């Protein structure tokens, strides 16, 4: 899940929590008390979810060092670096250092030595 979604949930949750005391300014009845309690509970639960799952992209990332040589023939793909999953978004830093040679021979063959997206 993108970090901006988690930030949005966190901000909305804080808004719900902060807005809850406003109900108490108008001498609430039983229905308003229940509504405010549900509002505060929802805000706390959403904030807890956003914090537990991590607001920022703080995953471990990936690192490739000294990967060796890769050869692709007959339409195959050779990669000595990192291929990003999904839409090419990962949590955490990526680093490729001293990746080996990637060689492609033949029609449709591909070779990459750095960081590439999943659609390549």
Foldseek 3Di string as FASTA:
>chain_A
DDLVVLVVLQVVLVVLLVCLCVLVVVPDDPVNVVVSVVSNVSSVVSNVVSVVVDNALADPEDEAEQQEEAEEEDQEEEEQEEEAPDANDHRDDYYYYNGYYYYYDYPNYYYYYYYHYPVD
